[in-house]
């Protein structure tokens, strides 16, 4: 917890790549390796980075094989817990590309839209206004990797369509947008999760982006 009452609070809402999932080993990177932790170090004590990552989280769809993965259902209590919030970084969509959900890129974008609507209705900053929103399109899934080939079959094509759809939503909602696939690629070990260098790259790019806000 950052006890500086003037600290700019940055809420990072995402999935396993925000949680810090280590490819293949199914363990978690240390806090100083995860992009959220690196971002906190880079921004310093004038910022408070709040980590809200969860493995398997979707935008707004239930996972029949695992409970509590619906990001929309968790977002309301999450926002109410952390208000006031100055900046919200939204990094979701990868898990929606799983074959079992049978979702197209448009369906995933609609899920992001639902999250943006919830933020508008529920989140506020220190001035009582809607927080700045930074919408990130996730790194492209590599469904040619053996471990991803079955569960994420067809995900590469869908994830490649998300940046344009997310950018359109960002314009509609007055949010900031960044194509995360232009910054990093997933590990060749599983085609989904980031290596330490990827976490650091995201943190460094986000630091520059956030610093430009103030």
N, C-alpha and C. Protein backbone atom coordinates (compact mmCIF):
# COMPACT_ATOMS: atom_id res chain seq x y z
N UNK A 1 0.83 -1.20 0.00
CA UNK A 1 0.00 0.00 0.00
C UNK A 1 0.87 1.25 0.00
N UNK A 2 0.49 2.19 -0.83
CA UNK A 2 1.18 3.47 -0.86
C UNK A 2 0.43 4.43 0.06
N UNK A 3 1.11 4.93 1.08
CA UNK A 3 0.44 5.80 2.07
C UNK A 3 0.52 7.28 1.72
N UNK A 4 1.04 7.59 0.53
CA UNK A 4 1.05 8.97 0.06
C UNK A 4 -0.37 9.35 -0.37
N UNK A 5 -1.06 10.24 0.34
CA UNK A 5 -2.45 10.56 0.00
C UNK A 5 -2.61 11.24 -1.36
N UNK A 6 -1.52 11.75 -1.90
CA UNK A 6 -1.58 12.42 -3.19
C UNK A 6 -1.14 11.51 -4.35
N UNK A 7 -0.80 10.27 -4.03
CA UNK A 7 -0.33 9.35 -5.06
C UNK A 7 -1.39 9.14 -6.13
N UNK A 8 -0.97 9.06 -7.37
CA UNK A 8 -1.87 8.78 -8.49
C UNK A 8 -2.09 7.27 -8.53
N UNK A 9 -3.34 6.87 -8.36
CA UNK A 9 -3.65 5.43 -8.29
C UNK A 9 -3.90 4.88 -9.69
N UNK A 10 -3.18 3.80 -10.01
CA UNK A 10 -3.26 3.15 -11.32
C UNK A 10 -3.76 1.72 -11.11
N UNK A 11 -4.97 1.44 -11.55
CA UNK A 11 -5.53 0.09 -11.42
C UNK A 11 -5.27 -0.70 -12.69
N UNK A 12 -4.63 -1.86 -12.54
CA UNK A 12 -4.28 -2.72 -13.68
C UNK A 12 -5.20 -3.94 -13.65
N UNK A 13 -6.17 -3.97 -14.56
CA UNK A 13 -7.18 -5.03 -14.57
C UNK A 13 -6.94 -5.93 -15.76
N UNK A 14 -6.57 -7.19 -15.48
CA UNK A 14 -6.21 -8.08 -16.57
C UNK A 14 -6.31 -9.55 -16.22
N UNK A 15 -5.61 -10.35 -17.00
CA UNK A 15 -5.66 -11.79 -16.84
C UNK A 15 -4.32 -12.33 -16.35
N UNK A 16 -3.91 -13.50 -16.84
CA UNK A 16 -2.69 -14.14 -16.34
C UNK A 16 -1.43 -13.36 -16.68
N UNK A 17 -1.45 -12.58 -17.75
CA UNK A 17 -0.27 -11.78 -18.07
C UNK A 17 -0.16 -10.55 -17.18
N UNK A 18 -1.21 -10.20 -16.47
CA UNK A 18 -1.14 -9.18 -15.43
C UNK A 18 -0.81 -9.83 -14.09
N UNK A 19 -1.32 -11.02 -13.88
CA UNK A 19 -1.02 -11.80 -12.66
C UNK A 19 0.45 -12.18 -12.61
N UNK A 20 1.05 -12.45 -13.78
CA UNK A 20 2.46 -12.81 -13.84
C UNK A 20 2.73 -14.29 -14.02
N UNK A 21 1.89 -14.96 -14.79
CA UNK A 21 2.01 -16.40 -15.03
C UNK A 21 3.29 -16.73 -15.80
N UNK A 22 4.05 -17.68 -15.27
CA UNK A 22 5.30 -18.09 -15.92
C UNK A 22 4.98 -19.16 -16.96
N UNK A 23 5.36 -18.97 -18.23
CA UNK A 23 5.05 -19.95 -19.27
C UNK A 23 5.48 -21.36 -18.88
N UNK A 24 4.57 -22.29 -19.12
CA UNK A 24 4.78 -23.73 -18.94
C UNK A 24 4.85 -24.14 -17.46
N UNK A 25 5.61 -23.45 -16.64
CA UNK A 25 5.82 -23.91 -15.26
C UNK A 25 4.61 -23.72 -14.37
N UNK A 26 3.66 -22.84 -14.78
CA UNK A 26 2.43 -22.58 -14.03
C UNK A 26 2.70 -21.95 -12.67
N UNK A 27 3.85 -21.31 -12.52
CA UNK A 27 4.15 -20.58 -11.29
C UNK A 27 3.98 -19.08 -11.58
N UNK A 28 4.38 -18.25 -10.62
CA UNK A 28 4.18 -16.81 -10.77
C UNK A 28 5.51 -16.09 -10.67
N UNK A 29 5.71 -15.13 -11.58
CA UNK A 29 6.91 -14.32 -11.50
C UNK A 29 6.91 -13.51 -10.20
N UNK A 30 8.09 -13.24 -9.65
CA UNK A 30 8.17 -12.37 -8.47
C UNK A 30 7.65 -10.98 -8.79
N UNK A 31 7.28 -10.25 -7.76
CA UNK A 31 6.67 -8.94 -7.95
C UNK A 31 7.59 -7.98 -8.71
N UNK A 32 8.90 -8.14 -8.56
CA UNK A 32 9.82 -7.22 -9.24
C UNK A 32 10.08 -7.62 -10.69
N UNK A 33 9.44 -8.70 -11.15
CA UNK A 33 9.53 -9.12 -12.55
C UNK A 33 8.22 -8.83 -13.28
N UNK A 34 7.10 -8.96 -12.60
CA UNK A 34 5.80 -8.69 -13.21
C UNK A 34 5.72 -7.24 -13.69
N UNK A 35 5.05 -7.01 -14.81
CA UNK A 35 5.03 -5.65 -15.36
C UNK A 35 4.42 -4.65 -14.40
N UNK A 36 3.48 -5.09 -13.60
CA UNK A 36 2.89 -4.19 -12.61
C UNK A 36 3.91 -3.75 -11.57
N UNK A 37 4.71 -4.68 -11.10
CA UNK A 37 5.73 -4.36 -10.12
C UNK A 37 6.84 -3.50 -10.70
N UNK A 38 7.24 -3.81 -11.93
CA UNK A 38 8.26 -3.00 -12.60
C UNK A 38 7.73 -1.59 -12.83
N UNK A 39 6.46 -1.49 -13.21
CA UNK A 39 5.85 -0.18 -13.44
C UNK A 39 5.85 0.64 -12.15
N UNK A 40 5.53 -0.01 -11.03
CA UNK A 40 5.55 0.70 -9.75
C UNK A 40 6.95 1.25 -9.46
N UNK A 41 7.96 0.44 -9.69
CA UNK A 41 9.34 0.89 -9.45
C UNK A 41 9.71 2.06 -10.35
N UNK A 42 9.30 2.00 -11.60
CA UNK A 42 9.64 3.05 -12.55
C UNK A 42 8.91 4.36 -12.25
N UNK A 43 7.67 4.27 -11.83
CA UNK A 43 6.88 5.47 -11.56
C UNK A 43 7.22 6.10 -10.22
N UNK A 44 7.59 5.28 -9.25
CA UNK A 44 7.99 5.81 -7.94
C UNK A 44 6.82 6.05 -7.00
N UNK A 45 7.13 6.65 -5.86
CA UNK A 45 6.17 6.77 -4.77
C UNK A 45 5.05 7.78 -5.03
N UNK A 46 5.16 8.54 -6.09
CA UNK A 46 4.08 9.46 -6.44
C UNK A 46 2.93 8.74 -7.14
N UNK A 47 3.10 7.45 -7.39
CA UNK A 47 2.08 6.62 -8.02
C UNK A 47 1.83 5.39 -7.15
N UNK A 48 0.62 4.86 -7.25
CA UNK A 48 0.24 3.64 -6.53
C UNK A 48 -0.35 2.68 -7.56
N UNK A 49 0.43 1.66 -7.92
CA UNK A 49 0.00 0.68 -8.92
C UNK A 49 -0.71 -0.46 -8.21
N UNK A 50 -1.98 -0.65 -8.56
CA UNK A 50 -2.81 -1.70 -7.95
C UNK A 50 -2.94 -2.85 -8.94
N UNK A 51 -2.51 -4.02 -8.53
CA UNK A 51 -2.47 -5.20 -9.40
C UNK A 51 -3.74 -6.02 -9.23
N UNK A 52 -4.51 -6.15 -10.32
CA UNK A 52 -5.74 -6.94 -10.32
C UNK A 52 -5.75 -7.87 -11.52
N UNK A 53 -4.84 -8.85 -11.49
CA UNK A 53 -4.77 -9.86 -12.54
C UNK A 53 -5.30 -11.18 -12.03
N UNK A 54 -5.91 -11.97 -12.93
CA UNK A 54 -6.49 -13.26 -12.55
C UNK A 54 -6.36 -14.22 -13.71
N UNK A 55 -5.79 -15.38 -13.45
CA UNK A 55 -5.59 -16.38 -14.51
C UNK A 55 -6.93 -16.80 -15.13
N UNK A 56 -6.98 -16.79 -16.45
CA UNK A 56 -8.16 -17.25 -17.16
C UNK A 56 -9.28 -16.24 -17.27
N UNK A 57 -9.07 -15.03 -16.78
CA UNK A 57 -10.15 -14.04 -16.80
C UNK A 57 -10.56 -13.70 -18.24
N UNK A 58 -11.86 -13.65 -18.47
CA UNK A 58 -12.42 -13.24 -19.74
C UNK A 58 -12.94 -11.81 -19.62
N UNK A 59 -13.46 -11.28 -20.73
CA UNK A 59 -14.07 -9.96 -20.65
C UNK A 59 -15.40 -10.03 -19.93
N UNK A 60 -16.33 -10.82 -20.47
CA UNK A 60 -17.67 -10.86 -19.86
C UNK A 60 -18.38 -12.19 -20.06
N UNK A 61 -17.64 -13.27 -20.15
CA UNK A 61 -18.26 -14.57 -20.39
C UNK A 61 -17.85 -15.55 -19.29
N UNK A 62 -18.79 -16.42 -18.92
CA UNK A 62 -18.51 -17.44 -17.91
C UNK A 62 -17.71 -18.58 -18.53
N UNK A 63 -16.83 -19.15 -17.73
CA UNK A 63 -16.08 -20.32 -18.14
C UNK A 63 -16.73 -21.54 -17.48
N UNK A 64 -17.32 -22.45 -18.24
CA UNK A 64 -18.01 -23.59 -17.65
C UNK A 64 -17.08 -24.54 -16.90
N UNK A 65 -15.79 -24.44 -17.16
CA UNK A 65 -14.83 -25.35 -16.54
C UNK A 65 -14.14 -24.75 -15.32
N UNK A 66 -14.36 -23.46 -15.06
CA UNK A 66 -13.66 -22.81 -13.97
C UNK A 66 -14.47 -21.62 -13.47
N UNK A 67 -14.69 -21.48 -12.17
CA UNK A 67 -15.55 -20.40 -11.67
C UNK A 67 -14.84 -19.05 -11.60
N UNK A 68 -15.66 -18.01 -11.57
CA UNK A 68 -15.21 -16.64 -11.27
C UNK A 68 -14.28 -16.05 -12.32
N UNK A 69 -14.37 -16.49 -13.56
CA UNK A 69 -13.49 -15.96 -14.61
C UNK A 69 -14.10 -14.76 -15.35
N UNK A 70 -15.37 -14.50 -15.15
CA UNK A 70 -16.06 -13.43 -15.84
C UNK A 70 -15.58 -12.07 -15.33
N UNK A 71 -14.82 -11.36 -16.17
CA UNK A 71 -14.25 -10.09 -15.74
C UNK A 71 -15.29 -9.04 -15.42
N UNK A 72 -16.38 -9.02 -16.17
CA UNK A 72 -17.42 -8.02 -15.93
C UNK A 72 -18.05 -8.17 -14.56
N UNK A 73 -18.29 -9.41 -14.14
CA UNK A 73 -18.91 -9.63 -12.84
C UNK A 73 -18.00 -9.21 -11.69
N UNK A 74 -16.70 -9.34 -11.87
CA UNK A 74 -15.78 -8.95 -10.80
C UNK A 74 -15.46 -7.46 -10.84
N UNK A 75 -15.64 -6.83 -11.98
CA UNK A 75 -15.21 -5.45 -12.13
C UNK A 75 -15.92 -4.50 -11.17
N UNK A 76 -17.22 -4.67 -11.00
CA UNK A 76 -17.97 -3.76 -10.11
C UNK A 76 -17.40 -3.75 -8.70
N UNK A 77 -17.30 -4.91 -8.02
CA UNK A 77 -16.72 -4.87 -6.66
C UNK A 77 -15.27 -4.43 -6.66
N UNK A 78 -14.54 -4.73 -7.73
CA UNK A 78 -13.14 -4.30 -7.81
C UNK A 78 -13.05 -2.79 -7.83
N UNK A 79 -13.85 -2.15 -8.65
CA UNK A 79 -13.83 -0.69 -8.74
C UNK A 79 -14.29 -0.06 -7.44
N UNK A 80 -15.35 -0.61 -6.86
CA UNK A 80 -15.86 -0.05 -5.61
C UNK A 80 -14.84 -0.21 -4.48
N UNK A 81 -14.05 -1.26 -4.54
CA UNK A 81 -13.01 -1.48 -3.54
C UNK A 81 -11.91 -0.43 -3.64
N UNK A 82 -11.52 -0.09 -4.87
CA UNK A 82 -10.33 0.74 -5.07
C UNK A 82 -10.61 2.21 -5.33
N UNK A 83 -11.86 2.60 -5.55
CA UNK A 83 -12.16 4.02 -5.74
C UNK A 83 -11.62 4.86 -4.58
N UNK A 84 -11.14 6.09 -4.82
CA UNK A 84 -11.01 6.74 -6.14
C UNK A 84 -9.80 6.22 -6.91
N UNK A 85 -9.95 6.16 -8.22
CA UNK A 85 -8.93 5.63 -9.12
C UNK A 85 -8.62 6.69 -10.17
N UNK A 86 -7.35 6.94 -10.39
CA UNK A 86 -6.97 7.97 -11.36
C UNK A 86 -6.81 7.43 -12.78
N UNK A 87 -6.26 6.23 -12.89
CA UNK A 87 -6.01 5.62 -14.21
C UNK A 87 -6.39 4.15 -14.13
N UNK A 88 -7.08 3.67 -15.15
CA UNK A 88 -7.40 2.25 -15.25
C UNK A 88 -6.77 1.70 -16.51
N UNK A 89 -5.91 0.70 -16.35
CA UNK A 89 -5.31 0.00 -17.48
C UNK A 89 -6.07 -1.30 -17.68
N UNK A 90 -6.64 -1.47 -18.85
CA UNK A 90 -7.47 -2.64 -19.14
C UNK A 90 -6.76 -3.50 -20.18
N UNK A 91 -6.40 -4.72 -19.78
CA UNK A 91 -5.65 -5.62 -20.66
C UNK A 91 -6.32 -7.00 -20.63
N UNK A 92 -7.32 -7.17 -21.47
CA UNK A 92 -8.08 -8.42 -21.52
C UNK A 92 -8.43 -8.77 -22.97
N UNK A 93 -8.83 -10.01 -23.16
CA UNK A 93 -9.27 -10.48 -24.46
C UNK A 93 -8.65 -11.78 -24.91
N UNK A 94 -7.47 -12.10 -24.38
CA UNK A 94 -6.78 -13.32 -24.81
C UNK A 94 -7.60 -14.57 -24.52
N UNK A 95 -8.12 -14.68 -23.31
CA UNK A 95 -8.86 -15.90 -22.95
C UNK A 95 -10.16 -16.04 -23.72
N UNK A 96 -10.73 -14.92 -24.16
CA UNK A 96 -11.95 -14.98 -24.96
C UNK A 96 -11.72 -15.66 -26.31
N UNK A 97 -10.46 -15.73 -26.74
CA UNK A 97 -10.17 -16.34 -28.04
C UNK A 97 -10.11 -17.86 -27.97
N UNK A 98 -10.28 -18.43 -26.79
CA UNK A 98 -10.24 -19.89 -26.66
C UNK A 98 -11.32 -20.53 -27.53
N UNK A 99 -11.00 -21.66 -28.09
CA UNK A 99 -11.90 -22.36 -29.01
C UNK A 99 -13.24 -22.66 -28.35
N UNK A 100 -13.23 -23.05 -27.08
CA UNK A 100 -14.47 -23.49 -26.42
C UNK A 100 -15.51 -22.39 -26.29
N UNK A 101 -15.09 -21.13 -26.34
CA UNK A 101 -16.04 -20.03 -26.19
C UNK A 101 -16.72 -19.66 -27.52
N UNK A 102 -16.12 -20.07 -28.62
CA UNK A 102 -16.70 -19.82 -29.94
C UNK A 102 -17.03 -18.34 -30.14
N UNK A 103 -16.10 -17.47 -29.74
CA UNK A 103 -16.31 -16.03 -29.88
C UNK A 103 -15.49 -15.48 -31.05
N UNK A 104 -16.11 -14.61 -31.81
CA UNK A 104 -15.38 -13.90 -32.84
C UNK A 104 -14.78 -12.64 -32.27
N UNK A 105 -13.97 -11.94 -33.06
CA UNK A 105 -13.33 -10.71 -32.59
C UNK A 105 -14.38 -9.66 -32.21
N UNK A 106 -15.48 -9.61 -32.95
CA UNK A 106 -16.54 -8.66 -32.62
C UNK A 106 -17.18 -8.94 -31.27
N UNK A 107 -17.33 -10.23 -30.94
CA UNK A 107 -17.88 -10.60 -29.63
C UNK A 107 -16.95 -10.17 -28.51
N UNK A 108 -15.65 -10.32 -28.74
CA UNK A 108 -14.66 -9.94 -27.72
C UNK A 108 -14.67 -8.43 -27.53
N UNK A 109 -14.76 -7.69 -28.63
CA UNK A 109 -14.83 -6.24 -28.53
C UNK A 109 -16.09 -5.81 -27.78
N UNK A 110 -17.19 -6.53 -27.98
CA UNK A 110 -18.42 -6.23 -27.26
C UNK A 110 -18.23 -6.46 -25.76
N UNK A 111 -17.43 -7.46 -25.42
CA UNK A 111 -17.10 -7.69 -24.01
C UNK A 111 -16.31 -6.55 -23.42
N UNK A 112 -15.36 -6.02 -24.17
CA UNK A 112 -14.59 -4.85 -23.73
C UNK A 112 -15.52 -3.65 -23.57
N UNK A 113 -16.45 -3.49 -24.49
CA UNK A 113 -17.41 -2.38 -24.41
C UNK A 113 -18.21 -2.45 -23.10
N UNK A 114 -18.60 -3.66 -22.72
CA UNK A 114 -19.35 -3.82 -21.47
C UNK A 114 -18.49 -3.41 -20.27
N UNK A 115 -17.22 -3.71 -20.31
CA UNK A 115 -16.31 -3.31 -19.24
C UNK A 115 -16.16 -1.79 -19.20
N UNK A 116 -16.05 -1.17 -20.36
CA UNK A 116 -15.94 0.28 -20.42
C UNK A 116 -17.20 0.96 -19.88
N UNK A 117 -18.35 0.38 -20.19
CA UNK A 117 -19.60 0.91 -19.65
C UNK A 117 -19.62 0.83 -18.13
N UNK A 118 -19.15 -0.29 -17.60
CA UNK A 118 -19.12 -0.46 -16.13
C UNK A 118 -18.18 0.56 -15.49
N UNK A 119 -17.05 0.79 -16.11
CA UNK A 119 -16.11 1.78 -15.59
C UNK A 119 -16.76 3.16 -15.55
N UNK A 120 -17.44 3.51 -16.62
CA UNK A 120 -18.12 4.81 -16.67
C UNK A 120 -19.14 4.97 -15.55
N UNK A 121 -19.82 3.88 -15.24
CA UNK A 121 -20.90 3.94 -14.26
C UNK A 121 -20.41 3.85 -12.82
N UNK A 122 -19.28 3.20 -12.60
CA UNK A 122 -18.90 2.80 -11.25
C UNK A 122 -17.64 3.45 -10.72
N UNK A 123 -16.70 3.79 -11.60
CA UNK A 123 -15.40 4.31 -11.14
C UNK A 123 -15.39 5.83 -11.09
N UNK A 124 -14.66 6.36 -10.12
CA UNK A 124 -14.45 7.81 -10.08
C UNK A 124 -13.05 8.11 -9.58
N UNK A 125 -12.55 9.29 -9.94
CA UNK A 125 -11.23 9.70 -9.48
C UNK A 125 -11.36 10.69 -8.32
N UNK A 126 -10.27 11.31 -7.94
CA UNK A 126 -10.28 12.19 -6.77
C UNK A 126 -11.17 13.42 -6.98
N UNK A 127 -11.43 13.75 -8.24
CA UNK A 127 -12.29 14.90 -8.54
C UNK A 127 -13.73 14.47 -8.79
N UNK A 128 -14.01 13.18 -8.59
CA UNK A 128 -15.35 12.68 -8.81
C UNK A 128 -15.69 12.47 -10.27
N UNK A 129 -14.68 12.45 -11.14
CA UNK A 129 -14.89 12.25 -12.56
C UNK A 129 -14.48 10.85 -12.97
N UNK A 130 -14.79 10.48 -14.21
CA UNK A 130 -14.39 9.17 -14.72
C UNK A 130 -12.86 9.12 -14.82
N UNK A 131 -12.23 8.05 -14.35
CA UNK A 131 -10.77 7.95 -14.45
C UNK A 131 -10.31 7.91 -15.92
N UNK A 132 -9.05 8.25 -16.12
CA UNK A 132 -8.45 8.01 -17.43
C UNK A 132 -8.44 6.51 -17.67
N UNK A 133 -8.74 6.10 -18.87
CA UNK A 133 -8.73 4.68 -19.22
C UNK A 133 -7.67 4.46 -20.30
N UNK A 134 -6.82 3.48 -20.08
CA UNK A 134 -5.83 3.08 -21.07
C UNK A 134 -6.17 1.66 -21.50
N UNK A 135 -6.68 1.53 -22.70
CA UNK A 135 -7.09 0.23 -23.23
C UNK A 135 -5.96 -0.37 -24.05
N UNK A 136 -5.51 -1.55 -23.62
CA UNK A 136 -4.43 -2.25 -24.31
C UNK A 136 -4.97 -3.45 -25.07
N UNK A 137 -4.66 -3.55 -26.35
CA UNK A 137 -4.92 -4.79 -27.08
C UNK A 137 -3.83 -5.79 -26.66
N UNK A 138 -4.22 -7.03 -26.35
CA UNK A 138 -3.24 -7.98 -25.84
C UNK A 138 -2.25 -8.46 -26.90
N UNK A 139 -1.13 -9.01 -26.48
CA UNK A 139 -0.18 -9.61 -27.43
C UNK A 139 -0.89 -10.68 -28.27
N UNK A 140 -0.46 -10.85 -29.50
CA UNK A 140 -1.09 -11.82 -30.38
C UNK A 140 -0.82 -13.24 -29.90
N UNK A 141 -1.84 -14.06 -29.91
CA UNK A 141 -1.68 -15.47 -29.54
C UNK A 141 -0.97 -16.21 -30.67
N UNK A 142 -0.04 -17.08 -30.31
CA UNK A 142 0.63 -17.93 -31.30
C UNK A 142 0.06 -19.34 -31.14
N UNK A 143 -0.96 -19.65 -31.92
CA UNK A 143 -1.61 -20.95 -31.78
C UNK A 143 -0.91 -22.06 -32.55
N UNK A 144 0.29 -21.77 -33.08
CA UNK A 144 1.08 -22.83 -33.69
C UNK A 144 1.94 -23.56 -32.66
N UNK A 145 2.09 -22.95 -31.47
CA UNK A 145 2.85 -23.61 -30.40
C UNK A 145 2.05 -24.81 -29.92
N UNK A 146 2.71 -25.92 -29.72
CA UNK A 146 2.02 -27.18 -29.42
C UNK A 146 1.08 -27.07 -28.22
N UNK A 147 1.53 -26.43 -27.15
CA UNK A 147 0.72 -26.38 -25.93
C UNK A 147 -0.53 -25.52 -26.09
N UNK A 148 -0.55 -24.65 -27.11
CA UNK A 148 -1.71 -23.77 -27.34
C UNK A 148 -2.57 -24.24 -28.50
N UNK A 149 -2.09 -25.19 -29.25
CA UNK A 149 -2.71 -25.55 -30.52
C UNK A 149 -4.16 -26.02 -30.37
N UNK A 150 -4.45 -26.77 -29.33
CA UNK A 150 -5.80 -27.30 -29.17
C UNK A 150 -6.73 -26.29 -28.51
N UNK A 151 -6.32 -25.76 -27.37
CA UNK A 151 -7.19 -24.86 -26.61
C UNK A 151 -7.41 -23.53 -27.32
N UNK A 152 -6.40 -23.05 -28.03
CA UNK A 152 -6.47 -21.74 -28.67
C UNK A 152 -6.49 -21.84 -30.20
N UNK A 153 -6.97 -22.93 -30.73
CA UNK A 153 -7.04 -23.08 -32.19
C UNK A 153 -7.84 -21.92 -32.79
N UNK A 154 -7.26 -21.26 -33.77
CA UNK A 154 -7.92 -20.12 -34.41
C UNK A 154 -7.74 -18.80 -33.70
N UNK A 155 -7.07 -18.81 -32.56
CA UNK A 155 -6.93 -17.58 -31.75
C UNK A 155 -6.02 -16.55 -32.41
N UNK A 156 -5.04 -16.99 -33.15
CA UNK A 156 -4.12 -16.05 -33.78
C UNK A 156 -4.86 -15.11 -34.72
N UNK A 157 -5.75 -15.65 -35.51
CA UNK A 157 -6.51 -14.83 -36.46
C UNK A 157 -7.42 -13.85 -35.72
N UNK A 158 -8.09 -14.34 -34.67
CA UNK A 158 -8.99 -13.47 -33.92
C UNK A 158 -8.23 -12.37 -33.19
N UNK A 159 -7.12 -12.74 -32.54
CA UNK A 159 -6.39 -11.74 -31.76
C UNK A 159 -5.77 -10.67 -32.67
N UNK A 160 -5.48 -11.01 -33.92
CA UNK A 160 -4.93 -10.03 -34.85
C UNK A 160 -5.96 -8.98 -35.24
N UNK A 161 -7.24 -9.29 -35.09
CA UNK A 161 -8.31 -8.34 -35.43
C UNK A 161 -8.66 -7.41 -34.27
N UNK A 162 -8.21 -7.74 -33.07
CA UNK A 162 -8.62 -6.97 -31.90
C UNK A 162 -8.07 -5.54 -31.85
N UNK A 163 -6.81 -5.29 -32.22
CA UNK A 163 -6.31 -3.91 -32.11
C UNK A 163 -7.19 -2.86 -32.80
N UNK A 164 -7.62 -3.13 -34.01
CA UNK A 164 -8.46 -2.16 -34.72
C UNK A 164 -9.79 -1.95 -34.01
N UNK A 165 -10.37 -3.03 -33.49
CA UNK A 165 -11.65 -2.93 -32.79
C UNK A 165 -11.50 -2.20 -31.46
N UNK A 166 -10.42 -2.47 -30.76
CA UNK A 166 -10.16 -1.80 -29.49
C UNK A 166 -9.90 -0.30 -29.72
N UNK A 167 -9.15 0.00 -30.77
CA UNK A 167 -8.86 1.41 -31.07
C UNK A 167 -10.15 2.17 -31.36
N UNK A 168 -11.08 1.55 -32.05
CA UNK A 168 -12.36 2.17 -32.34
C UNK A 168 -13.13 2.43 -31.05
N UNK A 169 -13.14 1.45 -30.14
CA UNK A 169 -13.81 1.63 -28.86
C UNK A 169 -13.18 2.76 -28.06
N UNK A 170 -11.85 2.80 -28.07
CA UNK A 170 -11.15 3.85 -27.33
C UNK A 170 -11.56 5.23 -27.83
N UNK A 171 -11.69 5.38 -29.12
CA UNK A 171 -12.12 6.66 -29.67
C UNK A 171 -13.55 6.99 -29.21
N UNK A 172 -14.41 6.00 -29.22
CA UNK A 172 -15.81 6.21 -28.84
C UNK A 172 -15.94 6.60 -27.37
N UNK A 173 -15.08 6.06 -26.53
CA UNK A 173 -15.20 6.27 -25.09
C UNK A 173 -14.22 7.32 -24.56
N UNK A 174 -13.48 7.95 -25.44
CA UNK A 174 -12.52 8.94 -24.99
C UNK A 174 -11.39 8.35 -24.18
N UNK A 175 -11.07 7.09 -24.46
CA UNK A 175 -9.99 6.39 -23.75
C UNK A 175 -8.70 6.47 -24.55
N UNK A 176 -7.59 6.21 -23.88
CA UNK A 176 -6.31 6.08 -24.56
C UNK A 176 -6.18 4.64 -25.05
N UNK A 177 -5.47 4.45 -26.14
CA UNK A 177 -5.31 3.11 -26.72
C UNK A 177 -3.86 2.83 -27.04
N UNK A 178 -3.50 1.56 -26.86
CA UNK A 178 -2.19 1.10 -27.28
C UNK A 178 -2.30 -0.35 -27.74
N UNK A 179 -1.69 -0.66 -28.86
CA UNK A 179 -1.65 -2.03 -29.35
C UNK A 179 -0.48 -2.74 -28.67
N UNK A 180 -0.79 -3.55 -27.67
CA UNK A 180 0.25 -4.26 -26.93
C UNK A 180 1.05 -5.22 -27.79
N UNK A 181 0.46 -5.68 -28.91
CA UNK A 181 1.19 -6.59 -29.79
C UNK A 181 2.32 -5.89 -30.53
N UNK A 182 2.30 -4.56 -30.54
CA UNK A 182 3.40 -3.81 -31.12
C UNK A 182 4.58 -3.69 -30.15
N UNK A 183 4.31 -3.98 -28.90
CA UNK A 183 5.36 -3.89 -27.88
C UNK A 183 6.01 -5.24 -27.61
N UNK A 184 5.18 -6.29 -27.50
CA UNK A 184 5.69 -7.59 -27.06
C UNK A 184 5.02 -8.74 -27.80
N UNK A 185 5.68 -9.88 -27.78
CA UNK A 185 5.13 -11.14 -28.29
C UNK A 185 5.17 -12.17 -27.18
N UNK A 186 4.27 -13.15 -27.21
CA UNK A 186 4.28 -14.16 -26.15
C UNK A 186 5.48 -15.09 -26.24
N UNK A 187 5.70 -15.81 -25.18
CA UNK A 187 6.80 -16.77 -25.13
C UNK A 187 6.62 -17.86 -26.18
N UNK A 188 7.72 -18.28 -26.78
CA UNK A 188 7.68 -19.39 -27.73
C UNK A 188 7.42 -20.71 -27.03
N UNK A 189 7.44 -20.70 -25.68
CA UNK A 189 7.20 -21.92 -24.93
C UNK A 189 5.73 -22.30 -24.89
N UNK A 190 4.84 -21.28 -24.86
CA UNK A 190 3.41 -21.62 -24.82
C UNK A 190 2.54 -20.76 -25.72
N UNK A 191 3.11 -19.74 -26.34
CA UNK A 191 2.36 -18.92 -27.28
C UNK A 191 1.35 -17.98 -26.67
N UNK A 192 1.33 -17.88 -25.33
CA UNK A 192 0.32 -17.09 -24.64
C UNK A 192 0.94 -16.08 -23.67
N UNK A 193 1.85 -16.56 -22.85
CA UNK A 193 2.33 -15.76 -21.71
C UNK A 193 3.67 -15.10 -22.00
N UNK A 194 3.94 -14.05 -21.23
CA UNK A 194 5.12 -13.22 -21.46
C UNK A 194 6.34 -13.72 -20.72
N UNK A 195 7.49 -13.52 -21.32
CA UNK A 195 8.77 -13.74 -20.67
C UNK A 195 9.11 -12.49 -19.84
N UNK A 196 10.08 -12.56 -18.94
CA UNK A 196 10.46 -11.38 -18.14
C UNK A 196 10.76 -10.14 -18.98
N UNK A 197 11.43 -10.32 -20.11
CA UNK A 197 11.74 -9.16 -20.97
C UNK A 197 10.47 -8.50 -21.48
N UNK A 198 9.43 -9.30 -21.74
CA UNK A 198 8.16 -8.76 -22.19
C UNK A 198 7.48 -7.94 -21.10
N UNK A 199 7.54 -8.45 -19.87
CA UNK A 199 6.98 -7.71 -18.74
C UNK A 199 7.68 -6.36 -18.59
N UNK A 200 8.98 -6.37 -18.68
CA UNK A 200 9.72 -5.11 -18.53
C UNK A 200 9.41 -4.15 -19.67
N UNK A 201 9.29 -4.66 -20.87
CA UNK A 201 8.98 -3.80 -22.01
C UNK A 201 7.63 -3.11 -21.83
N UNK A 202 6.63 -3.87 -21.41
CA UNK A 202 5.31 -3.28 -21.17
C UNK A 202 5.39 -2.20 -20.11
N UNK A 203 6.10 -2.49 -19.03
CA UNK A 203 6.23 -1.52 -17.94
C UNK A 203 6.90 -0.24 -18.41
N UNK A 204 7.97 -0.38 -19.17
CA UNK A 204 8.70 0.80 -19.64
C UNK A 204 7.85 1.65 -20.58
N UNK A 205 7.12 0.98 -21.47
CA UNK A 205 6.26 1.71 -22.40
C UNK A 205 5.11 2.39 -21.66
N UNK A 206 4.53 1.69 -20.69
CA UNK A 206 3.43 2.27 -19.92
C UNK A 206 3.90 3.44 -19.07
N UNK A 207 5.09 3.33 -18.53
CA UNK A 207 5.63 4.43 -17.73
C UNK A 207 5.69 5.71 -18.56
N UNK A 208 6.17 5.61 -19.78
CA UNK A 208 6.27 6.79 -20.66
C UNK A 208 4.88 7.31 -21.00
N UNK A 209 3.95 6.39 -21.23
CA UNK A 209 2.59 6.78 -21.58
C UNK A 209 1.92 7.50 -20.41
N UNK A 210 2.03 6.91 -19.22
CA UNK A 210 1.39 7.50 -18.04
C UNK A 210 2.03 8.81 -17.67
N UNK A 211 3.36 8.90 -17.78
CA UNK A 211 4.04 10.15 -17.45
C UNK A 211 3.59 11.29 -18.34
N UNK A 212 3.15 10.97 -19.57
CA UNK A 212 2.69 12.01 -20.48
C UNK A 212 1.31 12.55 -20.10
N UNK A 213 0.61 11.87 -19.19
CA UNK A 213 -0.72 12.31 -18.78
C UNK A 213 -0.66 13.52 -17.84
N UNK A 214 0.50 13.70 -17.15
CA UNK A 214 0.57 14.71 -16.08
C UNK A 214 1.75 15.66 -16.30
